[in-house]
Protein backbone atom coordinates (compact mmCIF):
# COMPACT_ATOMS: atom_id res chain seq x y z
CA MET A 1 50.25 -43.24 34.19
CA PRO A 2 50.11 -39.81 34.79
CA LYS A 3 49.60 -37.25 32.08
CA PHE A 4 52.56 -34.04 31.48
CA LEU A 5 50.93 -31.07 33.03
CA SER A 6 47.31 -32.54 34.20
CA PRO A 7 46.28 -32.02 38.04
CA GLU A 8 47.56 -35.76 38.41
CA TRP A 9 51.06 -34.95 37.27
CA VAL A 10 51.37 -32.02 38.57
CA ALA A 11 50.50 -33.87 42.05
CA ALA A 12 52.54 -35.47 41.74
CA VAL A 13 56.04 -34.17 40.83
CA ASN A 14 54.67 -32.00 44.37
CA ALA A 15 54.61 -35.59 45.96
CA LEU A 16 58.51 -36.10 44.90
CA LEU A 17 59.08 -32.21 45.86
CA ASP A 18 57.75 -32.21 49.50
CA GLY A 19 60.75 -35.04 50.40
CA LEU A 20 63.98 -32.15 49.28
CA SER A 21 65.45 -30.58 52.22
CA ALA A 22 65.44 -27.45 53.55
CA ASP A 23 69.32 -27.85 52.83
CA GLU A 24 69.36 -28.86 49.67
CA LEU A 25 66.51 -25.64 48.54
CA GLU A 26 69.24 -23.68 50.29
CA ALA A 27 72.39 -25.01 48.53
CA ALA A 28 69.30 -24.55 44.80
CA ALA A 29 69.44 -20.50 46.20
CA THR A 30 73.84 -20.07 46.05
CA GLY A 31 74.18 -17.49 43.49
CA SER A 32 71.47 -16.24 43.24
CA LEU A 33 70.53 -12.66 44.94
CA ALA A 34 66.63 -12.64 44.16
CA ALA A 35 66.95 -16.59 45.33
CA ALA A 36 68.71 -15.85 48.23
CA THR A 37 66.13 -15.51 50.54
CA GLY A 38 64.87 -18.40 49.89
CA HIS A 39 61.58 -17.07 48.12
CA PHE A 40 61.07 -17.17 44.84
CA ARG A 41 59.18 -17.68 41.31
CA VAL A 42 59.20 -19.89 38.55
CA SER A 43 56.58 -19.86 35.19
CA GLN A 44 56.31 -21.76 32.81
CA VAL A 45 53.67 -21.03 30.01
CA VAL A 46 53.21 -23.40 27.16
CA ARG A 47 51.31 -23.08 24.21
CA GLY A 48 50.84 -25.40 22.31
CA ALA A 49 49.52 -28.54 25.16
CA PRO A 50 47.04 -30.99 23.75
CA GLY A 51 43.67 -30.08 24.43
CA ALA A 52 41.52 -32.09 27.89
CA ALA A 53 38.86 -34.65 26.82
CA GLY A 54 36.09 -32.66 25.10
CA ALA A 55 38.15 -29.52 25.16
CA PRO A 56 39.11 -27.92 21.42
CA GLY A 57 42.14 -27.39 20.11
CA PRO A 58 45.40 -26.77 21.69
CA ALA A 59 46.18 -25.22 25.20
CA THR A 60 48.26 -23.07 27.25
CA VAL A 61 49.00 -24.18 30.38
CA ARG A 62 50.78 -22.60 32.78
CA THR A 63 53.46 -24.08 35.81
CA THR A 64 54.82 -21.82 38.79
CA LEU A 65 57.52 -23.32 40.77
CA VAL A 66 57.69 -21.87 43.75
CA VAL A 67 60.02 -21.88 47.15
CA GLU A 68 58.61 -20.35 50.14
CA GLY A 69 59.34 -21.08 53.79
CA GLY A 70 62.07 -24.12 53.06
CA ARG A 71 59.63 -25.80 51.16
CA ALA A 72 59.32 -26.60 47.48
CA HIS A 73 55.79 -27.18 45.16
CA LEU A 74 54.61 -27.23 41.79
CA GLU A 75 51.53 -25.01 40.85
CA LEU A 76 49.04 -25.47 37.96
CA GLU A 77 47.96 -21.72 37.10
CA ASP A 78 44.29 -20.12 36.20
CA GLN A 79 44.84 -18.90 32.90
CA ASP A 80 43.49 -15.46 33.98
CA PRO A 81 45.92 -13.27 34.74
CA ASP A 82 42.75 -11.44 37.39
CA ALA A 83 42.90 -15.32 38.83
CA ARG A 84 46.98 -15.67 40.01
CA GLY A 85 48.78 -15.11 42.39
CA LEU A 86 52.08 -13.57 42.42
CA PRO A 87 53.94 -13.12 39.70
CA PRO A 88 56.54 -14.69 39.34
CA ASP A 89 60.64 -13.61 39.51
CA VAL A 90 61.38 -15.14 36.06
CA GLU A 91 58.65 -16.81 33.40
CA LEU A 92 59.80 -19.14 30.98
CA GLU A 93 57.78 -19.70 26.96
CA LEU A 94 58.31 -22.80 25.11
CA SER A 95 56.50 -25.63 22.91
CA TYR A 96 54.56 -28.27 24.01
CA ASP A 97 57.61 -30.12 21.77
CA ASP A 98 60.62 -27.77 23.40
CA ALA A 99 58.45 -28.66 27.16
CA ALA A 100 57.85 -32.80 26.64
CA ALA A 101 61.85 -32.61 25.99
CA LEU A 102 63.05 -30.76 28.42
CA SER A 103 60.86 -33.44 31.07
CA ARG A 104 62.25 -36.49 29.62
CA GLY A 105 65.50 -35.45 29.49
CA ASP A 106 65.59 -35.85 25.94
CA LEU A 107 66.65 -31.60 25.63
CA GLU A 108 69.12 -30.14 27.97
CA PRO A 109 68.46 -26.75 28.94
CA GLY A 110 71.00 -24.83 27.63
CA GLU A 111 70.48 -26.43 24.28
CA ALA A 112 67.11 -24.53 24.55
CA LEU A 113 67.75 -20.91 26.06
CA GLY A 114 71.05 -21.09 23.68
CA THR A 115 68.94 -22.37 20.27
CA GLY A 116 65.90 -19.52 21.67
CA ARG A 117 63.47 -22.38 21.97
CA VAL A 118 62.27 -20.99 24.68
CA ARG A 119 61.68 -17.43 25.42
CA VAL A 120 62.98 -16.24 29.31
CA ARG A 121 61.39 -13.22 31.51
CA GLY A 122 63.15 -11.88 34.54
CA ASP A 123 65.73 -12.75 37.05
CA LEU A 124 68.03 -15.44 35.23
CA SER A 125 69.68 -15.90 37.99
CA VAL A 126 66.28 -17.01 39.74
CA LEU A 127 66.17 -19.15 37.12
CA MET A 128 69.39 -20.93 37.29
CA ALA A 129 68.67 -21.38 41.23
CA GLY A 130 65.00 -23.06 40.10
CA GLN A 131 67.29 -25.69 37.91
CA ALA A 132 69.68 -25.84 40.52
CA MET A 133 66.88 -27.21 43.04
CA LEU A 134 65.22 -29.17 40.08
CA GLN A 135 68.56 -31.15 39.74
CA ALA A 136 68.46 -32.04 43.03
CA ALA A 137 65.31 -33.54 42.93
CA ALA A 138 66.08 -35.52 39.99
CA ARG A 139 66.78 -38.77 40.89
CA ARG A 140 63.43 -38.36 42.55
CA LEU A 141 62.06 -37.54 39.38
CA ALA A 142 63.01 -39.85 37.46
CA GLY A 143 60.89 -42.76 38.39
CA LEU A 144 57.77 -39.83 37.36
CA GLN A 145 59.64 -39.25 34.24
CA ALA A 146 59.58 -42.88 33.22
CA ASP A 147 55.54 -42.50 33.79
CA THR A 148 54.56 -40.04 32.48
CA THR A 149 52.50 -39.84 29.16
CA TYR A 150 53.08 -37.23 26.71
């Protein structure tokens, strides 16, 4: 069972996203001028994640959903700002508990945004396109959700 936000979990998400068709990705981008190009990046910064074995205290974990060239994948990023790739179109910042609740389906994205549990910077239309793409992949991700440890 992969641990939430671990490299193994990201690899499992990517294996599932690999099955999304270009048509599903294109449909998800509808309504967003930035996402309509077929290229967008949505970063999630999770504060207070359990540290890796041997690491002191809670950690900050950054993942980025990258959609480009008719494909989608999730990147687990180094926290050094100089080591990051392209900047995201939109960035979410939230606690580990809220990220885990969203992943499990215990917290709706709209509720998290509406109650201020998620801070958002950037193009909200890209965020909606990223969410629509993940909803298109929801059936594929459901099995991983059940197998993930939090």
